[in-house]
PDB file of N, CA and C in Angstrom:
ATOM      1  N   UNK A   1      18.868   9.153   1.596  1.00  0.00           N
ATOM      2  CA  UNK A   1      17.727   9.170   0.695  1.00  0.00           C
ATOM      3  C   UNK A   1      17.595   7.784   0.065  1.00  0.00           C
ATOM      4  N   UNK A   2      16.751   6.928   0.644  1.00  0.00           N
ATOM      5  CA  UNK A   2      16.584   5.586   0.103  1.00  0.00           C
ATOM      6  C   UNK A   2      15.745   5.581  -1.166  1.00  0.00           C
ATOM      7  N   UNK A   3      15.149   6.714  -1.531  1.00  0.00           N
ATOM      8  CA  UNK A   3      14.391   6.793  -2.776  1.00  0.00           C
ATOM      9  C   UNK A   3      15.283   6.499  -3.976  1.00  0.00           C
ATOM     10  N   UNK A   4      16.577   6.800  -3.882  1.00  0.00           N
ATOM     11  CA  UNK A   4      17.488   6.493  -4.984  1.00  0.00           C
ATOM     12  C   UNK A   4      17.592   4.987  -5.186  1.00  0.00           C
ATOM     13  N   UNK A   5      17.677   4.219  -4.107  1.00  0.00           N
ATOM     14  CA  UNK A   5      17.740   2.759  -4.255  1.00  0.00           C
ATOM     15  C   UNK A   5      16.423   2.216  -4.797  1.00  0.00           C
ATOM     16  N   UNK A   6      15.301   2.812  -4.404  1.00  0.00           N
ATOM     17  CA  UNK A   6      13.999   2.415  -4.959  1.00  0.00           C
ATOM     18  C   UNK A   6      13.966   2.734  -6.450  1.00  0.00           C
ATOM     19  N   UNK A   7      14.437   3.920  -6.829  1.00  0.00           N
ATOM     20  CA  UNK A   7      14.466   4.320  -8.240  1.00  0.00           C
ATOM     21  C   UNK A   7      15.358   3.387  -9.054  1.00  0.00           C
ATOM     22  N   UNK A   8      16.517   3.033  -8.516  1.00  0.00           N
ATOM     23  CA  UNK A   8      17.412   2.110  -9.218  1.00  0.00           C
ATOM     24  C   UNK A   8      16.745   0.757  -9.436  1.00  0.00           C
ATOM     25  N   UNK A   9      16.016   0.277  -8.441  1.00  0.00           N
ATOM     26  CA  UNK A   9      15.297  -0.996  -8.576  1.00  0.00           C
ATOM     27  C   UNK A   9      14.201  -0.906  -9.629  1.00  0.00           C
ATOM     28  N   UNK A  10      13.453   0.197  -9.629  1.00  0.00           N
ATOM     29  CA  UNK A  10      12.405   0.379 -10.636  1.00  0.00           C
ATOM     30  C   UNK A  10      12.989   0.421 -12.043  1.00  0.00           C
ATOM     31  N   UNK A  11      14.093   1.131 -12.211  1.00  0.00           N
ATOM     32  CA  UNK A  11      14.748   1.214 -13.520  1.00  0.00           C
ATOM     33  C   UNK A  11      15.211  -0.169 -13.968  1.00  0.00           C
ATOM     34  N   UNK A  12      15.803  -0.934 -13.059  1.00  0.00           N
ATOM     35  CA  UNK A  12      16.269  -2.282 -13.404  1.00  0.00           C
ATOM     36  C   UNK A  12      15.105  -3.184 -13.806  1.00  0.00           C
ATOM     37  N   UNK A  13      14.023  -3.155 -13.022  1.00  0.00           N
ATOM     38  CA  UNK A  13      12.837  -3.958 -13.355  1.00  0.00           C
ATOM     39  C   UNK A  13      12.269  -3.572 -14.711  1.00  0.00           C
ATOM     40  N   UNK A  14      12.161  -2.273 -14.958  1.00  0.00           N
ATOM     41  CA  UNK A  14      11.598  -1.789 -16.216  1.00  0.00           C
ATOM     42  C   UNK A  14      12.485  -2.156 -17.399  1.00  0.00           C
ATOM     43  N   UNK A  15      13.788  -1.983 -17.258  1.00  0.00           N
ATOM     44  CA  UNK A  15      14.716  -2.310 -18.346  1.00  0.00           C
ATOM     45  C   UNK A  15      14.692  -3.803 -18.648  1.00  0.00           C
ATOM     46  N   UNK A  16      14.668  -4.638 -17.615  1.00  0.00           N
ATOM     47  CA  UNK A  16      14.600  -6.089 -17.819  1.00  0.00           C
ATOM     48  C   UNK A  16      13.314  -6.482 -18.533  1.00  0.00           C
ATOM     49  N   UNK A  17      12.194  -5.916 -18.108  1.00  0.00           N
ATOM     50  CA  UNK A  17      10.904  -6.231 -18.737  1.00  0.00           C
ATOM     51  C   UNK A  17      10.872  -5.754 -20.187  1.00  0.00           C
ATOM     52  N   UNK A  18      11.441  -4.591 -20.453  1.00  0.00           N
ATOM     53  CA  UNK A  18      11.478  -4.068 -21.825  1.00  0.00           C
ATOM     54  C   UNK A  18      12.308  -4.981 -22.723  1.00  0.00           C
ATOM     55  N   UNK A  19      13.458  -5.419 -22.228  1.00  0.00           N
ATOM     56  CA  UNK A  19      14.297  -6.331 -23.013  1.00  0.00           C
ATOM     57  C   UNK A  19      13.559  -7.627 -23.310  1.00  0.00           C
ATOM     58  N   UNK A  20      12.874  -8.176 -22.306  1.00  0.00           N
ATOM     59  CA  UNK A  20      12.128  -9.423 -22.498  1.00  0.00           C
ATOM     60  C   UNK A  20      11.014  -9.255 -23.518  1.00  0.00           C
ATOM     61  N   UNK A  21      10.449  -8.053 -23.597  1.00  0.00           N
ATOM     62  CA  UNK A  21       9.379  -7.782 -24.556  1.00  0.00           C
ATOM     63  C   UNK A  21       9.935  -7.382 -25.926  1.00  0.00           C
ATOM     64  N   UNK A  22      11.253  -7.276 -26.037  1.00  0.00           N
ATOM     65  CA  UNK A  22      11.870  -6.888 -27.293  1.00  0.00           C
ATOM     66  C   UNK A  22      11.795  -5.398 -27.573  1.00  0.00           C
ATOM     67  N   UNK A  23      11.558  -4.599 -26.544  1.00  0.00           N
ATOM     68  CA  UNK A  23      11.450  -3.143 -26.711  1.00  0.00           C
ATOM     69  C   UNK A  23      12.819  -2.497 -26.526  1.00  0.00           C
ATOM     70  N   UNK A  24      13.060  -1.435 -27.274  1.00  0.00           N
ATOM     71  CA  UNK A  24      14.337  -0.727 -27.205  1.00  0.00           C
ATOM     72  C   UNK A  24      14.325   0.404 -26.186  1.00  0.00           C
ATOM     73  N   UNK A  25      13.128   0.754 -25.706  1.00  0.00           N
ATOM     74  CA  UNK A  25      13.043   1.809 -24.702  1.00  0.00           C
ATOM     75  C   UNK A  25      11.749   1.681 -23.912  1.00  0.00           C
ATOM     76  N   UNK A  26      11.706   2.374 -22.790  1.00  0.00           N
ATOM     77  CA  UNK A  26      10.508   2.446 -21.948  1.00  0.00           C
ATOM     78  C   UNK A  26      10.011   3.881 -22.005  1.00  0.00           C
ATOM     79  N   UNK A  27       8.713   4.043 -22.278  1.00  0.00           N
ATOM     80  CA  UNK A  27       8.126   5.383 -22.356  1.00  0.00           C
ATOM     81  C   UNK A  27       7.601   5.861 -21.010  1.00  0.00           C
ATOM     82  N   UNK A  28       7.062   4.933 -20.202  1.00  0.00           N
ATOM     83  CA  UNK A  28       6.479   5.327 -18.914  1.00  0.00           C
ATOM     84  C   UNK A  28       6.427   4.145 -17.959  1.00  0.00           C
ATOM     85  N   UNK A  29       6.514   4.454 -16.678  1.00  0.00           N
ATOM     86  CA  UNK A  29       6.313   3.481 -15.608  1.00  0.00           C
ATOM     87  C   UNK A  29       5.149   3.977 -14.767  1.00  0.00           C
ATOM     88  N   UNK A  30       4.267   3.065 -14.392  1.00  0.00           N
ATOM     89  CA  UNK A  30       3.127   3.396 -13.534  1.00  0.00           C
ATOM     90  C   UNK A  30       3.364   2.704 -12.190  1.00  0.00           C
ATOM     91  N   UNK A  31       3.434   3.506 -11.135  1.00  0.00           N
ATOM     92  CA  UNK A  31       3.798   3.017  -9.806  1.00  0.00           C
ATOM     93  C   UNK A  31       2.725   3.422  -8.799  1.00  0.00           C
ATOM     94  N   UNK A  32       2.444   2.514  -7.841  1.00  0.00           N
ATOM     95  CA  UNK A  32       1.538   2.823  -6.715  1.00  0.00           C
ATOM     96  C   UNK A  32       2.380   2.898  -5.449  1.00  0.00           C
ATOM     97  N   UNK A  33       2.181   3.994  -4.699  1.00  0.00           N
ATOM     98  CA  UNK A  33       2.925   4.181  -3.451  1.00  0.00           C
ATOM     99  C   UNK A  33       1.938   4.469  -2.326  1.00  0.00           C
ATOM    100  N   UNK A  34       1.937   3.613  -1.307  1.00  0.00           N
ATOM    101  CA  UNK A  34       1.079   3.810  -0.150  1.00  0.00           C
ATOM    102  C   UNK A  34       1.588   4.931   0.737  1.00  0.00           C
ATOM    103  N   UNK A  35       0.669   5.564   1.433  1.00  0.00           N
ATOM    104  CA  UNK A  35       1.010   6.693   2.310  1.00  0.00           C
ATOM    105  C   UNK A  35       1.993   6.295   3.411  1.00  0.00           C
ATOM    106  N   UNK A  36       2.001   5.012   3.790  1.00  0.00           N
ATOM    107  CA  UNK A  36       2.919   4.541   4.834  1.00  0.00           C
ATOM    108  C   UNK A  36       4.047   3.676   4.275  1.00  0.00           C
ATOM    109  N   UNK A  37       4.319   3.791   2.981  1.00  0.00           N
ATOM    110  CA  UNK A  37       5.390   3.004   2.361  1.00  0.00           C
ATOM    111  C   UNK A  37       6.773   3.539   2.707  1.00  0.00           C
ATOM    112  N   UNK A  38       6.831   4.760   3.214  1.00  0.00           N
ATOM    113  CA  UNK A  38       8.118   5.345   3.569  1.00  0.00           C
ATOM    114  C   UNK A  38       8.872   5.906   2.381  1.00  0.00           C
ATOM    115  N   UNK A  39       8.144   6.186   1.290  1.00  0.00           N
ATOM    116  CA  UNK A  39       8.757   6.745   0.084  1.00  0.00           C
ATOM    117  C   UNK A  39       8.117   8.100  -0.188  1.00  0.00           C
ATOM    118  N   UNK A  40       8.943   9.118  -0.355  1.00  0.00           N
ATOM    119  CA  UNK A  40       8.458  10.467  -0.653  1.00  0.00           C
ATOM    120  C   UNK A  40       8.370  10.603  -2.177  1.00  0.00           C
ATOM    121  N   UNK A  41       7.150  10.755  -2.730  1.00  0.00           N
ATOM    122  CA  UNK A  41       6.994  10.797  -4.189  1.00  0.00           C
ATOM    123  C   UNK A  41       7.892  11.812  -4.896  1.00  0.00           C
ATOM    124  N   UNK A  42       8.020  13.023  -4.376  1.00  0.00           N
ATOM    125  CA  UNK A  42       8.871  14.025  -5.036  1.00  0.00           C
ATOM    126  C   UNK A  42      10.342  13.606  -5.039  1.00  0.00           C
ATOM    127  N   UNK A  43      10.792  13.008  -3.958  1.00  0.00           N
ATOM    128  CA  UNK A  43      12.180  12.530  -3.898  1.00  0.00           C
ATOM    129  C   UNK A  43      12.386  11.368  -4.862  1.00  0.00           C
ATOM    130  N   UNK A  44      11.367  10.519  -5.019  1.00  0.00           N
ATOM    131  CA  UNK A  44      11.462   9.410  -5.968  1.00  0.00           C
ATOM    132  C   UNK A  44      11.531   9.940  -7.397  1.00  0.00           C
ATOM    133  N   UNK A  45      10.719  10.943  -7.712  1.00  0.00           N
ATOM    134  CA  UNK A  45      10.762  11.540  -9.061  1.00  0.00           C
ATOM    135  C   UNK A  45      12.162  12.093  -9.365  1.00  0.00           C
ATOM    136  N   UNK A  46      12.718  12.808  -8.418  1.00  0.00           N
ATOM    137  CA  UNK A  46      14.061  13.373  -8.588  1.00  0.00           C
ATOM    138  C   UNK A  46      15.087  12.258  -8.787  1.00  0.00           C
ATOM    139  N   UNK A  47      15.034  11.245  -7.944  1.00  0.00           N
ATOM    140  CA  UNK A  47      15.978  10.131  -8.009  1.00  0.00           C
ATOM    141  C   UNK A  47      15.803   9.309  -9.277  1.00  0.00           C
ATOM    142  N   UNK A  48      14.569   9.205  -9.740  1.00  0.00           N
ATOM    143  CA  UNK A  48      14.279   8.404 -10.930  1.00  0.00           C
ATOM    144  C   UNK A  48      15.032   8.935 -12.148  1.00  0.00           C
ATOM    145  N   UNK A  49      15.026  10.236 -12.342  1.00  0.00           N
ATOM    146  CA  UNK A  49      15.729  10.825 -13.488  1.00  0.00           C
ATOM    147  C   UNK A  49      17.224  10.507 -13.441  1.00  0.00           C
ATOM    148  N   UNK A  50      17.799  10.522 -12.263  1.00  0.00           N
ATOM    149  CA  UNK A  50      19.219  10.199 -12.097  1.00  0.00           C
ATOM    150  C   UNK A  50      19.458   8.718 -12.374  1.00  0.00           C
ATOM    151  N   UNK A  51      18.614   7.855 -11.811  1.00  0.00           N
ATOM    152  CA  UNK A  51      18.779   6.409 -11.960  1.00  0.00           C
ATOM    153  C   UNK A  51      18.574   5.951 -13.402  1.00  0.00           C
ATOM    154  N   UNK A  52      17.695   6.621 -14.131  1.00  0.00           N
ATOM    155  CA  UNK A  52      17.361   6.203 -15.492  1.00  0.00           C
ATOM    156  C   UNK A  52      18.396   6.630 -16.527  1.00  0.00           C
ATOM    157  N   UNK A  53      19.218   7.598 -16.195  1.00  0.00           N
ATOM    158  CA  UNK A  53      20.187   8.148 -17.156  1.00  0.00           C
ATOM    159  C   UNK A  53      21.071   7.048 -17.749  1.00  0.00           C
ATOM    160  N   UNK A  54      21.115   6.994 -19.086  1.00  0.00           N
ATOM    161  CA  UNK A  54      21.968   6.038 -19.783  1.00  0.00           C
ATOM    162  C   UNK A  54      21.400   4.635 -19.893  1.00  0.00           C
ATOM    163  N   UNK A  55      20.110   4.462 -19.590  1.00  0.00           N
ATOM    164  CA  UNK A  55      19.471   3.143 -19.665  1.00  0.00           C
ATOM    165  C   UNK A  55      18.332   3.175 -20.683  1.00  0.00           C
ATOM    166  N   UNK A  56      17.668   2.035 -20.863  1.00  0.00           N
ATOM    167  CA  UNK A  56      16.480   1.972 -21.728  1.00  0.00           C
ATOM    168  C   UNK A  56      15.346   2.835 -21.188  1.00  0.00           C
ATOM    169  N   UNK A  57      15.474   3.282 -19.965  1.00  0.00           N
ATOM    170  CA  UNK A  57      14.416   4.028 -19.287  1.00  0.00           C
ATOM    171  C   UNK A  57      14.661   5.548 -19.350  1.00  0.00           C
ATOM    172  N   UNK A  58      15.782   5.972 -19.920  1.00  0.00           N
ATOM    173  CA  UNK A  58      16.095   7.404 -20.029  1.00  0.00           C
ATOM    174  C   UNK A  58      14.939   8.150 -20.691  1.00  0.00           C
ATOM    175  N   UNK A  59      14.479   9.215 -20.053  1.00  0.00           N
ATOM    176  CA  UNK A  59      13.408  10.043 -20.607  1.00  0.00           C
ATOM    177  C   UNK A  59      11.999   9.523 -20.361  1.00  0.00           C
ATOM    178  N   UNK A  60      11.868   8.368 -19.711  1.00  0.00           N
ATOM    179  CA  UNK A  60      10.535   7.811 -19.442  1.00  0.00           C
ATOM    180  C   UNK A  60       9.808   8.643 -18.383  1.00  0.00           C
ATOM    181  N   UNK A  61       8.478   8.663 -18.477  1.00  0.00           N
ATOM    182  CA  UNK A  61       7.649   9.323 -17.468  1.00  0.00           C
ATOM    183  C   UNK A  61       7.479   8.376 -16.280  1.00  0.00           C
ATOM    184  N   UNK A  62       7.531   8.937 -15.096  1.00  0.00           N
ATOM    185  CA  UNK A  62       7.233   8.177 -13.883  1.00  0.00           C
ATOM    186  C   UNK A  62       5.889   8.672 -13.380  1.00  0.00           C
ATOM    187  N   UNK A  63       4.869   7.833 -13.536  1.00  0.00           N
ATOM    188  CA  UNK A  63       3.520   8.203 -13.109  1.00  0.00           C
ATOM    189  C   UNK A  63       3.241   7.518 -11.781  1.00  0.00           C
ATOM    190  N   UNK A  64       2.994   8.327 -10.756  1.00  0.00           N
ATOM    191  CA  UNK A  64       2.825   7.817  -9.396  1.00  0.00           C
ATOM    192  C   UNK A  64       1.384   7.994  -8.944  1.00  0.00           C
ATOM    193  N   UNK A  65       0.797   6.890  -8.494  1.00  0.00           N
ATOM    194  CA  UNK A  65      -0.521   6.930  -7.851  1.00  0.00           C
ATOM    195  C   UNK A  65      -0.276   6.835  -6.347  1.00  0.00           C
ATOM    196  N   UNK A  66      -0.685   7.854  -5.624  1.00  0.00           N
ATOM    197  CA  UNK A  66      -0.523   7.842  -4.174  1.00  0.00           C
ATOM    198  C   UNK A  66      -1.751   7.181  -3.548  1.00  0.00           C
ATOM    199  N   UNK A  67      -1.513   6.154  -2.736  1.00  0.00           N
ATOM    200  CA  UNK A  67      -2.578   5.339  -2.163  1.00  0.00           C
ATOM    201  C   UNK A  67      -2.778   5.716  -0.692  1.00  0.00           C
ATOM    202  N   UNK A  68      -4.004   6.095  -0.311  1.00  0.00           N
ATOM    203  CA  UNK A  68      -4.251   6.453   1.092  1.00  0.00           C
ATOM    204  C   UNK A  68      -4.264   5.214   1.990  1.00  0.00           C
ATOM    205  N   UNK A  69      -4.118   5.440   3.279  1.00  0.00           N
ATOM    206  CA  UNK A  69      -4.250   4.356   4.251  1.00  0.00           C
ATOM    207  C   UNK A  69      -5.732   4.038   4.383  1.00  0.00           C
ATOM    208  N   UNK A  70      -6.047   2.753   4.254  1.00  0.00           N
ATOM    209  CA  UNK A  70      -7.435   2.290   4.375  1.00  0.00           C
ATOM    210  C   UNK A  70      -7.462   1.192   5.430  1.00  0.00           C
ATOM    211  N   UNK A  71      -8.437   1.268   6.320  1.00  0.00           N
ATOM    212  CA  UNK A  71      -8.540   0.293   7.412  1.00  0.00           C
ATOM    213  C   UNK A  71      -9.878  -0.449   7.337  1.00  0.00           C
ATOM    214  N   UNK A  72      -9.902  -1.603   8.000  1.00  0.00           N
ATOM    215  CA  UNK A  72     -11.156  -2.318   8.229  1.00  0.00           C
ATOM    216  C   UNK A  72     -11.343  -2.371   9.731  1.00  0.00           C
ATOM    217  N   UNK A  73     -12.511  -1.939  10.186  1.00  0.00           N
ATOM    218  CA  UNK A  73     -12.817  -1.916  11.612  1.00  0.00           C
ATOM    219  C   UNK A  73     -13.601  -3.172  11.977  1.00  0.00           C
ATOM    220  N   UNK A  74     -13.033  -3.984  12.859  1.00  0.00           N
ATOM    221  CA  UNK A  74     -13.704  -5.201  13.312  1.00  0.00           C
ATOM    222  C   UNK A  74     -14.916  -4.903  14.189  1.00  0.00           C
ATOM    223  N   UNK A  75     -14.955  -3.722  14.790  1.00  0.00           N
ATOM    224  CA  UNK A  75     -16.063  -3.389  15.692  1.00  0.00           C
ATOM    225  C   UNK A  75     -17.333  -3.003  14.941  1.00  0.00           C
ATOM    226  N   UNK A  76     -17.191  -2.167  13.912  1.00  0.00           N
ATOM    227  CA  UNK A  76     -18.392  -1.724  13.182  1.00  0.00           C
ATOM    228  C   UNK A  76     -18.453  -2.285  11.760  1.00  0.00           C
ATOM    229  N   UNK A  77     -17.482  -3.132  11.396  1.00  0.00           N
ATOM    230  CA  UNK A  77     -17.416  -3.761  10.072  1.00  0.00           C
ATOM    231  C   UNK A  77     -17.360  -2.758   8.927  1.00  0.00           C
ATOM    232  N   UNK A  78     -16.788  -1.606   9.179  1.00  0.00           N
ATOM    233  CA  UNK A  78     -16.652  -0.584   8.133  1.00  0.00           C
ATOM    234  C   UNK A  78     -15.242  -0.628   7.559  1.00  0.00           C
ATOM    235  N   UNK A  79     -15.151  -0.298   6.285  1.00  0.00           N
ATOM    236  CA  UNK A  79     -13.860  -0.106   5.635  1.00  0.00           C
ATOM    237  C   UNK A  79     -13.807   1.355   5.224  1.00  0.00           C
ATOM    238  N   UNK A  80     -12.737   2.045   5.609  1.00  0.00           N
ATOM    239  CA  UNK A  80     -12.682   3.488   5.351  1.00  0.00           C
ATOM    240  C   UNK A  80     -11.242   3.965   5.230  1.00  0.00           C
ATOM    241  N   UNK A  81     -11.069   5.062   4.476  1.00  0.00           N
ATOM    242  CA  UNK A  81      -9.769   5.725   4.408  1.00  0.00           C
ATOM    243  C   UNK A  81      -9.547   6.473   5.715  1.00  0.00           C
ATOM    244  N   UNK A  82      -8.302   6.472   6.173  1.00  0.00           N
ATOM    245  CA  UNK A  82      -7.968   7.224   7.381  1.00  0.00           C
ATOM    246  C   UNK A  82      -7.589   8.643   6.992  1.00  0.00           C
ATOM    247  N   UNK A  83      -8.320   9.625   7.487  1.00  0.00           N
ATOM    248  CA  UNK A  83      -7.954  11.005   7.177  1.00  0.00           C
ATOM    249  C   UNK A  83      -6.611  11.388   7.793  1.00  0.00           C
ATOM    250  N   UNK A  84      -6.260  10.760   8.913  1.00  0.00           N
ATOM    251  CA  UNK A  84      -4.990  11.018   9.583  1.00  0.00           C
ATOM    252  C   UNK A  84      -4.298   9.678   9.818  1.00  0.00           C
ATOM    253  N   UNK A  85      -3.361   9.293   8.938  1.00  0.00           N
ATOM    254  CA  UNK A  85      -2.725   7.985   9.097  1.00  0.00           C
ATOM    255  C   UNK A  85      -1.845   7.858  10.337  1.00  0.00           C
ATOM    256  N   UNK A  86      -1.683   8.929  11.099  1.00  0.00           N
ATOM    257  CA  UNK A  86      -0.916   8.852  12.340  1.00  0.00           C
ATOM    258  C   UNK A  86      -1.760   8.268  13.472  1.00  0.00           C
ATOM    259  N   UNK A  87      -3.076   8.260  13.289  1.00  0.00           N
ATOM    260  CA  UNK A  87      -3.993   7.791  14.322  1.00  0.00           C
ATOM    261  C   UNK A  87      -4.891   6.703  13.743  1.00  0.00           C
ATOM    262  N   UNK A  88      -4.713   5.485  14.214  1.00  0.00           N
ATOM    263  CA  UNK A  88      -5.516   4.375  13.707  1.00  0.00           C
ATOM    264  C   UNK A  88      -6.824   4.253  14.480  1.00  0.00           C
ATOM    265  N   UNK A  89      -7.677   5.256  14.281  1.00  0.00           N
ATOM    266  CA  UNK A  89      -9.002   5.288  14.890  1.00  0.00           C
ATOM    267  C   UNK A  89     -10.013   5.249  13.757  1.00  0.00           C
ATOM    268  N   UNK A  90     -10.986   4.365  13.869  1.00  0.00           N
ATOM    269  CA  UNK A  90     -12.013   4.239  12.835  1.00  0.00           C
ATOM    270  C   UNK A  90     -12.758   5.568  12.689  1.00  0.00           C
ATOM    271  N   UNK A  91     -12.816   6.120  11.470  1.00  0.00           N
ATOM    272  CA  UNK A  91     -13.524   7.387  11.281  1.00  0.00           C
ATOM    273  C   UNK A  91     -15.047   7.239  11.386  1.00  0.00           C
ATOM    274  N   UNK A  92     -15.536   6.003  11.410  1.00  0.00           N
ATOM    275  CA  UNK A  92     -16.979   5.759  11.509  1.00  0.00           C
ATOM    276  C   UNK A  92     -17.420   5.674  12.975  1.00  0.00           C
ATOM    277  N   UNK A  93     -16.788   4.758  13.744  1.00  0.00           N
ATOM    278  CA  UNK A  93     -17.234   4.540  15.129  1.00  0.00           C
ATOM    279  C   UNK A  93     -16.291   5.147  16.172  1.00  0.00           C
ATOM    280  N   UNK A  94     -15.182   5.721  15.726  1.00  0.00           N
ATOM    281  CA  UNK A  94     -14.204   6.382  16.607  1.00  0.00           C
ATOM    282  C   UNK A  94     -13.494   5.426  17.569  1.00  0.00           C
ATOM    283  N   UNK A  95     -13.479   4.133  17.262  1.00  0.00           N
ATOM    284  CA  UNK A  95     -12.779   3.152  18.084  1.00  0.00           C
ATOM    285  C   UNK A  95     -11.447   2.795  17.415  1.00  0.00           C
ATOM    286  N   UNK A  96     -10.489   2.283  18.185  1.00  0.00           N
ATOM    287  CA  UNK A  96      -9.211   1.888  17.580  1.00  0.00           C
ATOM    288  C   UNK A  96      -9.423   0.834  16.492  1.00  0.00           C
ATOM    289  N   UNK A  97      -8.794   1.040  15.366  1.00  0.00           N
ATOM    290  CA  UNK A  97      -8.886   0.110  14.239  1.00  0.00           C
ATOM    291  C   UNK A  97      -7.498  -0.456  13.980  1.00  0.00           C
ATOM    292  N   UNK A  98      -7.374  -1.751  13.954  1.00  0.00           N
ATOM    293  CA  UNK A  98      -6.054  -2.354  13.855  1.00  0.00           C
ATOM    294  C   UNK A  98      -5.751  -3.036  12.524  1.00  0.00           C
ATOM    295  N   UNK A  99      -6.727  -3.220  11.674  1.00  0.00           N
ATOM    296  CA  UNK A  99      -6.468  -3.947  10.436  1.00  0.00           C
ATOM    297  C   UNK A  99      -6.329  -2.986   9.259  1.00  0.00           C
ATOM    298  N   UNK A 100      -5.121  -2.898   8.714  1.00  0.00           N
ATOM    299  CA  UNK A 100      -4.878  -2.028   7.566  1.00  0.00           C
ATOM    300  C   UNK A 100      -5.116  -2.829   6.287  1.00  0.00           C
ATOM    301  N   UNK A 101      -5.939  -2.283   5.403  1.00  0.00           N
ATOM    302  CA  UNK A 101      -6.271  -2.932   4.139  1.00  0.00           C
ATOM    303  C   UNK A 101      -5.311  -2.478   3.039  1.00  0.00           C
ATOM    304  N   UNK A 102      -4.939  -1.219   3.049  1.00  0.00           N
ATOM    305  CA  UNK A 102      -3.984  -0.686   2.073  1.00  0.00           C
ATOM    306  C   UNK A 102      -3.250   0.499   2.680  1.00  0.00           C
ATOM    307  N   UNK A 103      -2.133   0.850   2.040  1.00  0.00           N
ATOM    308  CA  UNK A 103      -1.381   2.012   2.498  1.00  0.00           C
ATOM    309  C   UNK A 103       0.111   1.790   2.602  1.00  0.00           C
ATOM    310  N   UNK A 104       0.556   0.530   2.440  1.00  0.00           N
ATOM    311  CA  UNK A 104       1.989   0.238   2.508  1.00  0.00           C
ATOM    312  C   UNK A 104       2.579  -0.165   1.157  1.00  0.00           C
ATOM    313  N   UNK A 105       1.752  -0.133   0.095  1.00  0.00           N
ATOM    314  CA  UNK A 105       2.224  -0.642  -1.180  1.00  0.00           C
ATOM    315  C   UNK A 105       3.350   0.179  -1.790  1.00  0.00           C
ATOM    316  N   UNK A 106       4.175  -0.527  -2.514  1.00  0.00           N
ATOM    317  CA  UNK A 106       5.184   0.069  -3.386  1.00  0.00           C
ATOM    318  C   UNK A 106       5.248  -0.890  -4.569  1.00  0.00           C
ATOM    319  N   UNK A 107       4.453  -0.598  -5.593  1.00  0.00           N
ATOM    320  CA  UNK A 107       4.255  -1.536  -6.694  1.00  0.00           C
ATOM    321  C   UNK A 107       4.519  -0.886  -8.045  1.00  0.00           C
ATOM    322  N   UNK A 108       5.225  -1.621  -8.893  1.00  0.00           N
ATOM    323  CA  UNK A 108       5.331  -1.258 -10.297  1.00  0.00           C
ATOM    324  C   UNK A 108       4.139  -1.919 -10.970  1.00  0.00           C
ATOM    325  N   UNK A 109       3.165  -1.115 -11.393  1.00  0.00           N
ATOM    326  CA  UNK A 109       1.907  -1.633 -11.929  1.00  0.00           C
ATOM    327  C   UNK A 109       2.025  -1.986 -13.402  1.00  0.00           C
ATOM    328  N   UNK A 110       2.594  -1.074 -14.193  1.00  0.00           N
ATOM    329  CA  UNK A 110       2.698  -1.330 -15.629  1.00  0.00           C
ATOM    330  C   UNK A 110       3.779  -0.462 -16.256  1.00  0.00           C
ATOM    331  N   UNK A 111       4.123  -0.836 -17.477  1.00  0.00           N
ATOM    332  CA  UNK A 111       5.099  -0.101 -18.279  1.00  0.00           C
ATOM    333  C   UNK A 111       4.469   0.252 -19.612  1.00  0.00           C
ATOM    334  N   UNK A 112       4.910   1.354 -20.196  1.00  0.00           N
ATOM    335  CA  UNK A 112       4.553   1.680 -21.571  1.00  0.00           C
ATOM    336  C   UNK A 112       5.821   1.578 -22.398  1.00  0.00           C
ATOM    337  N   UNK A 113       5.730   0.797 -23.474  1.00  0.00           N
ATOM    338  CA  UNK A 113       6.842   0.679 -24.417  1.00  0.00           C
ATOM    339  C   UNK A 113       6.304   0.964 -25.813  1.00  0.00           C
ATOM    340  N   UNK A 114       7.186   1.388 -26.733  1.00  0.00           N
ATOM    341  CA  UNK A 114       6.692   1.670 -28.093  1.00  0.00           C
ATOM    342  C   UNK A 114       6.295   0.399 -28.828  1.00  0.00           C
TER     343      UNK A 114
END
């Protein structure tokens, strides 16, 4: 379960940022996870509580925005979400689409501190 290592990294980043801001605790982390990032949101939530225990992040909310796979089709110049990320076919013209615009992100967007 590599979600634990991701959770540990998020906790470390959040704790470091809180210390730099002079905060004694973190109330919430806002994270974006792409559909093809290889991270299971429920497993990350579970791992996050374990990773945060005993740190400035203990008890913080983990708010996850799940990001769909979005492609740009060079053939029809359309940008669209892929309903099935297993098949990189443009949903507009039904041709193979090779340029992914989003869907692999794993980003810590913001923190809430008191």
